[in-house]
Amino acid sequence: MQETEQQAIIGLCLKAAYADSSKHERERDKIREIAESLKTQADLSSTLMSGSGMDGLIQSLKSTESRKLAYEMAVCVCDADGVHSAAEREFLDQLRTALGLDTNLVESHAREADAIAATPLDGGQVAGSSMSRAQQDKLILDAAILNGALELLPESLASMAIIPLQMKLVYRIGQTYGYELDQGHVKDFLATAGVGLTSQFLEQAGRRLLGGVLGAIGGRLLGGIGRQAISSGMSFISTYALGHLARRYYEAGRQLDAESLRASYRDLLEDARRLLGRHKTEMQNKAGSLDIGELARLVRGR
């Protein structure tokens, strides 16, 4: 994939992130930071700030495969913080038309993304069920390894599943301390800690594109290369840190203020980075066993 195509796809993802009028200043700031952090490989900051039109970005997409990928990733961005809103649906309809895509070609992806985003937090868990500290440790580590494995896969839907799994982990930790949480509370918890949902997906997507792991668009790379894709391990790191942050927060009776939460999260991110190398083989093995067609079921079952 050419760099200009990568730029165009991320540019369209940025537009998807802005499509919903309910966006928050934190999301805008985070997206600018992501664009700046990636500018050594593609001048995304100029794409962000120039106000490039949809038509101009689409013209850079030369193949049906790259246009289909652009639409798929835009769907995932819109669904990152829940099933897309009316404004996001209108944007996606306009994008699909402008890309010249067959509706039948892309509707399966949209349905799958919606199914993942709409999965309830309880996921079949028994209300009020509790875990020992050792069980909590295992739950958090298993979730981090799973999300680290999803980051290794080339499919855009794999990134889509990471955020719902993180939210379900926070929900499960809160539940074990007697708190029955809804999606709004969990989203607020992540945002207070400094984890933006849409921007987190966009960061994962940008790494995957700019790392060149999409040599075979729309499916696993040949010869198992997809399992060895360039990866920062950030999904493992952020999931591990979020799980332990949730334990600190609910164990303390939700008494930690926003500044304390953010400081604790930063410390936990460093702890998780030190553990990353120890679990890379487990993530690679897990990636090899995942069925991308079963992501919605996987999210429901966690």
Protein backbone atom coordinates (compact mmCIF):
# COMPACT_ATOMS: atom_id res chain seq x y z
CA MET A 1 0.00 0.00 0.00
CA GLN A 2 1.36 3.41 -0.99
CA GLU A 3 1.98 6.09 1.64
CA THR A 4 -0.54 8.38 -0.08
CA GLU A 5 -3.20 5.69 0.34
CA GLN A 6 -2.26 5.27 4.00
CA GLN A 7 -2.59 9.03 4.46
CA ALA A 8 -5.97 9.05 2.76
CA ILE A 9 -7.34 6.19 4.87
CA ILE A 10 -6.23 7.80 8.13
CA GLY A 11 -7.59 11.12 6.86
CA LEU A 12 -11.00 9.52 6.33
CA CYS A 13 -10.77 7.93 9.79
CA LEU A 14 -10.15 11.38 11.23
CA LYS A 15 -13.25 12.66 9.47
CA ALA A 16 -15.21 9.71 10.85
CA ALA A 17 -14.02 10.60 14.35
CA TYR A 18 -15.34 14.15 13.84
CA ALA A 19 -18.65 13.05 12.30
CA ASP A 20 -20.56 12.87 15.59
CA SER A 21 -21.47 16.25 17.07
CA SER A 22 -21.10 14.82 20.59
CA LYS A 23 -17.26 14.70 20.31
CA HIS A 24 -15.28 16.02 23.28
CA GLU A 25 -12.28 18.34 23.30
CA ARG A 26 -10.21 15.49 24.82
CA GLU A 27 -10.87 13.43 21.69
CA ARG A 28 -9.84 16.27 19.38
CA ASP A 29 -6.63 16.83 21.34
CA LYS A 30 -5.82 13.11 21.34
CA ILE A 31 -6.38 12.84 17.59
CA ARG A 32 -4.01 15.76 17.02
CA GLU A 33 -1.42 14.03 19.21
CA ILE A 34 -1.80 10.80 17.21
CA ALA A 35 -1.40 12.65 13.92
CA GLU A 36 1.72 14.36 15.24
CA SER A 37 3.18 11.09 16.54
CA LEU A 38 2.81 9.46 13.12
CA LYS A 39 4.15 12.33 11.00
CA THR A 40 7.61 10.77 10.62
CA GLN A 41 6.06 8.13 8.35
CA ALA A 42 3.18 10.11 6.87
CA ASP A 43 2.36 13.78 7.11
CA LEU A 44 -0.91 13.21 8.93
CA SER A 45 -0.70 16.40 10.94
CA SER A 46 -0.99 18.43 7.73
CA THR A 47 -3.89 16.21 6.64
CA LEU A 48 -5.62 16.92 9.95
CA MET A 49 -5.05 20.66 9.92
CA SER A 50 -5.53 21.32 6.20
CA GLY A 51 -9.20 20.41 6.16
CA SER A 52 -8.71 18.08 3.19
CA GLY A 53 -12.07 17.28 1.59
CA MET A 54 -13.49 13.80 1.32
CA ASP A 55 -13.25 13.83 -2.48
CA GLY A 56 -9.55 14.72 -2.38
CA LEU A 57 -8.78 11.91 0.04
CA ILE A 58 -10.80 9.38 -1.95
CA GLN A 59 -8.96 10.26 -5.15
CA SER A 60 -5.77 8.97 -3.52
CA LEU A 61 -7.32 5.51 -3.13
CA LYS A 62 -6.51 3.75 -6.38
CA SER A 63 -7.89 0.26 -5.83
CA THR A 64 -11.20 -1.26 -4.80
CA GLU A 65 -9.39 -3.00 -1.95
CA SER A 66 -8.00 0.24 -0.48
CA ARG A 67 -11.41 1.92 -0.79
CA LYS A 68 -13.11 -0.99 0.91
CA LEU A 69 -10.52 -0.88 3.68
CA ALA A 70 -11.06 2.87 4.13
CA TYR A 71 -14.79 2.29 4.59
CA GLU A 72 -14.28 -0.62 7.00
CA MET A 73 -11.95 1.41 9.20
CA ALA A 74 -14.29 4.41 9.18
CA VAL A 75 -17.10 2.12 10.39
CA CYS A 76 -14.90 0.88 13.21
CA VAL A 77 -13.95 4.42 14.26
CA CYS A 78 -17.63 5.45 14.36
CA ASP A 79 -18.48 2.36 16.42
CA ALA A 80 -15.52 2.68 18.80
CA ASP A 81 -17.62 4.36 21.50
CA GLY A 82 -20.85 2.49 20.75
CA VAL A 83 -23.08 1.71 17.77
CA HIS A 84 -22.88 4.65 15.38
CA SER A 85 -25.26 7.57 15.83
CA ALA A 86 -27.57 9.06 13.20
CA ALA A 87 -24.90 11.64 12.28
CA GLU A 88 -22.26 8.93 11.94
CA ARG A 89 -24.63 6.76 9.90
CA GLU A 90 -25.19 9.68 7.51
CA PHE A 91 -21.43 10.18 7.21
CA LEU A 92 -20.87 6.49 6.48
CA ASP A 93 -23.63 6.46 3.85
CA GLN A 94 -22.04 9.46 2.14
CA LEU A 95 -18.61 7.86 2.34
CA ARG A 96 -19.82 4.55 0.89
CA THR A 97 -21.45 6.37 -2.02
CA ALA A 98 -18.39 8.57 -2.64
CA LEU A 99 -16.13 5.49 -2.57
CA GLY A 100 -18.34 3.82 -5.16
CA LEU A 101 -18.67 0.65 -3.13
CA ASP A 102 -21.29 -2.01 -3.66
CA THR A 103 -23.64 -1.97 -0.66
CA ASN A 104 -23.60 -5.77 -0.50
CA LEU A 105 -19.79 -5.71 -0.41
CA VAL A 106 -19.57 -3.69 2.80
CA GLU A 107 -22.78 -4.32 4.73
CA SER A 108 -21.46 -7.53 6.33
CA HIS A 109 -18.58 -5.61 7.90
CA ALA A 110 -20.93 -2.91 9.19
CA ARG A 111 -23.22 -5.54 10.75
CA GLU A 112 -20.27 -7.27 12.42
CA ALA A 113 -18.93 -3.97 13.78
CA ASP A 114 -22.36 -3.03 15.11
CA ALA A 115 -22.74 -6.44 16.74
CA ILE A 116 -19.41 -6.00 18.52
CA ALA A 117 -20.18 -2.44 19.62
CA ALA A 118 -23.68 -3.34 20.85
CA THR A 119 -22.60 -6.25 23.03
CA PRO A 120 -23.86 -5.66 26.61
CA LEU A 121 -21.27 -5.35 29.34
CA ASP A 122 -22.62 -8.19 31.46
CA GLY A 123 -21.88 -10.78 28.77
CA GLY A 124 -23.66 -13.52 30.67
CA GLN A 125 -21.81 -12.84 33.94
CA VAL A 126 -23.68 -13.64 37.14
CA ALA A 127 -24.79 -10.44 38.88
CA GLY A 128 -22.84 -9.81 42.07
CA SER A 129 -20.36 -12.63 41.44
CA SER A 130 -16.96 -12.10 43.05
CA MET A 131 -13.39 -13.23 42.52
CA SER A 132 -10.36 -13.75 44.70
CA ARG A 133 -7.34 -11.51 44.15
CA ALA A 134 -5.55 -14.31 42.31
CA GLN A 135 -8.58 -14.78 40.05
CA GLN A 136 -8.61 -11.04 39.35
CA ASP A 137 -4.91 -11.17 38.43
CA LYS A 138 -5.60 -14.01 35.99
CA LEU A 139 -8.61 -12.24 34.50
CA ILE A 140 -6.60 -9.07 33.88
CA LEU A 141 -3.59 -10.88 32.42
CA ASP A 142 -5.74 -13.10 30.19
CA ALA A 143 -7.61 -10.03 28.89
CA ALA A 144 -4.33 -8.22 28.21
CA ILE A 145 -2.91 -11.21 26.30
CA LEU A 146 -6.10 -11.54 24.25
CA ASN A 147 -6.10 -7.86 23.32
CA GLY A 148 -2.39 -8.02 22.56
CA ALA A 149 -3.16 -10.92 20.21
CA LEU A 150 -5.95 -8.94 18.52
CA GLU A 151 -3.49 -6.12 17.88
CA LEU A 152 -1.32 -8.55 15.90
CA LEU A 153 -4.10 -9.39 13.44
CA PRO A 154 -4.37 -7.39 10.21
CA GLU A 155 -8.17 -7.13 10.11
CA SER A 156 -9.74 -3.82 11.14
CA LEU A 157 -12.47 -5.64 13.08
CA ALA A 158 -9.79 -7.11 15.33
CA SER A 159 -9.02 -3.61 16.62
CA MET A 160 -12.74 -2.98 16.93
CA ALA A 161 -13.03 -5.78 19.51
CA ILE A 162 -10.29 -4.46 21.81
CA ILE A 163 -12.25 -1.55 23.28
CA PRO A 164 -15.42 -3.53 24.16
CA LEU A 165 -13.22 -6.16 25.80
CA GLN A 166 -11.48 -3.47 27.86
CA MET A 167 -14.84 -2.05 28.92
CA LYS A 168 -16.09 -5.50 29.90
CA LEU A 169 -12.93 -6.03 31.97
CA VAL A 170 -13.57 -2.81 33.92
CA TYR A 171 -17.21 -3.86 34.36
CA ARG A 172 -16.20 -7.29 35.67
CA ILE A 173 -13.69 -5.84 38.15
CA GLY A 174 -16.28 -3.36 39.41
CA GLN A 175 -18.82 -6.14 39.75
CA THR A 176 -16.58 -8.20 41.99
CA TYR A 177 -16.54 -5.26 44.44
CA GLY A 178 -20.32 -5.00 44.37
CA TYR A 179 -20.79 -2.28 41.75
CA GLU A 180 -23.29 -2.85 38.93
CA LEU A 181 -22.07 -0.49 36.22
CA ASP A 182 -23.56 0.71 32.95
CA GLN A 183 -21.71 1.65 29.75
CA GLY A 184 -21.89 5.35 30.54
CA HIS A 185 -20.06 4.89 33.83
CA VAL A 186 -17.38 2.67 32.28
CA LYS A 187 -16.81 5.16 29.44
CA ASP A 188 -16.52 7.99 31.96
CA PHE A 189 -14.04 5.94 34.00
CA LEU A 190 -11.84 5.35 30.93
CA ALA A 191 -12.07 9.00 29.87
CA THR A 192 -11.17 10.23 33.38
CA ALA A 193 -8.12 7.96 33.38
CA GLY A 194 -7.15 9.49 30.04
CA VAL A 195 -8.20 6.70 27.68
CA GLY A 196 -10.16 8.00 24.69
CA LEU A 197 -12.23 5.33 22.94
CA THR A 198 -12.33 6.67 19.39
CA SER A 199 -8.77 7.94 19.56
CA GLN A 200 -7.53 4.62 20.98
CA PHE A 201 -8.96 2.76 17.99
CA LEU A 202 -7.52 5.33 15.60
CA GLU A 203 -4.09 4.98 17.19
CA GLN A 204 -4.21 1.19 16.75
CA ALA A 205 -5.42 1.55 13.17
CA GLY A 206 -2.74 4.09 12.33
CA ARG A 207 0.01 1.85 13.63
CA ARG A 208 -1.27 -1.07 11.64
CA LEU A 209 -1.44 0.92 8.40
CA LEU A 210 1.83 2.77 8.78
CA GLY A 211 3.61 -0.36 9.95
CA GLY A 212 2.83 -1.92 6.58
CA VAL A 213 1.02 -4.97 7.94
CA LEU A 214 -1.80 -4.74 5.42
CA GLY A 215 0.01 -6.41 2.54
CA ALA A 216 -3.02 -8.61 2.04
CA ILE A 217 -6.02 -6.36 2.49
CA GLY A 218 -9.10 -7.81 4.11
CA GLY A 219 -7.60 -11.04 5.40
CA ARG A 220 -4.69 -12.72 7.13
CA LEU A 221 -1.32 -12.22 5.51
CA LEU A 222 0.07 -15.25 3.71
CA GLY A 223 2.37 -17.63 5.52
CA GLY A 224 1.34 -16.49 8.96
CA ILE A 225 3.16 -13.15 8.64
CA GLY A 226 0.09 -11.46 10.11
CA ARG A 227 0.86 -13.04 13.47
CA GLN A 228 4.27 -11.37 13.42
CA ALA A 229 2.91 -7.97 12.42
CA ILE A 230 4.65 -4.85 13.62
CA SER A 231 3.04 -4.07 16.94
CA SER A 232 3.78 -1.72 19.80
CA GLY A 233 2.05 -3.99 22.31
CA MET A 234 -0.04 -1.02 23.43
CA SER A 235 -3.23 -3.10 23.58
CA PHE A 236 -1.60 -5.48 26.06
CA ILE A 237 -0.17 -2.55 28.02
CA SER A 238 -3.33 -0.46 28.17
CA THR A 239 -5.58 -3.43 29.00
CA TYR A 240 -3.30 -4.63 31.80
CA ALA A 241 -3.07 -1.12 33.24
CA LEU A 242 -6.84 -0.52 33.00
CA GLY A 243 -7.62 -3.78 34.78
CA HIS A 244 -5.36 -2.98 37.70
CA LEU A 245 -6.54 0.65 37.78
CA ALA A 246 -10.14 -0.56 38.01
CA ARG A 247 -9.19 -2.80 40.94
CA ARG A 248 -7.56 0.10 42.79
CA TYR A 249 -10.55 2.34 42.12
CA TYR A 250 -13.35 -0.02 43.14
CA GLU A 251 -11.37 -1.52 45.99
CA ALA A 252 -11.06 2.04 47.37
CA GLY A 253 -14.83 2.52 47.14
CA ARG A 254 -14.58 4.81 44.07
CA GLN A 255 -12.92 7.47 46.22
CA LEU A 256 -9.93 8.23 43.95
CA ASP A 257 -10.18 11.63 42.28
CA ALA A 258 -9.44 12.29 38.61
CA GLU A 259 -5.84 13.40 39.19
CA SER A 260 -5.10 10.31 41.29
CA LEU A 261 -6.67 8.06 38.65
CA ARG A 262 -4.56 9.53 35.87
CA ALA A 263 -1.37 9.32 37.94
CA SER A 264 -2.09 5.71 38.89
CA TYR A 265 -2.81 4.83 35.26
CA ARG A 266 0.51 6.30 34.13
CA ASP A 267 2.36 4.26 36.77
CA LEU A 268 0.49 1.09 35.80
CA LEU A 269 1.32 1.64 32.13
CA GLU A 270 5.01 1.53 33.06
CA ASP A 271 4.48 -1.68 35.04
CA ALA A 272 2.73 -3.22 32.02
CA ARG A 273 5.52 -2.18 29.64
CA ARG A 274 8.01 -4.07 31.79
CA LEU A 275 5.84 -7.20 31.53
CA LEU A 276 5.28 -7.01 27.78
CA GLY A 277 8.33 -8.97 26.67
CA ARG A 278 7.51 -11.82 29.02
CA HIS A 279 4.15 -12.45 27.34
CA LYS A 280 4.87 -11.83 23.63
CA THR A 281 5.00 -15.53 22.78
CA GLU A 282 1.63 -16.09 24.46
CA MET A 283 0.14 -13.26 22.40
CA GLN A 284 1.54 -14.67 19.18
CA ASN A 285 0.19 -18.14 19.97
CA LYS A 286 -3.20 -16.67 20.86
CA ALA A 287 -3.30 -14.70 17.60
CA GLY A 288 -2.70 -17.92 15.69
CA SER A 289 -5.77 -19.54 17.22
CA LEU A 290 -8.25 -16.66 16.87
CA ASP A 291 -11.09 -16.91 14.35
CA ILE A 292 -11.77 -13.43 12.98
CA GLY A 293 -15.29 -14.52 12.00
CA GLU A 294 -16.13 -15.19 15.65
CA LEU A 295 -15.23 -11.80 17.12
CA ALA A 296 -18.79 -10.88 18.12
CA ARG A 297 -19.14 -14.20 19.93
CA LEU A 298 -15.74 -13.72 21.55
CA VAL A 299 -16.76 -10.29 22.89
CA ARG A 300 -20.05 -11.64 24.17
CA GLY A 301 -18.32 -14.50 25.94
CA ARG A 302 -15.77 -12.45 27.90
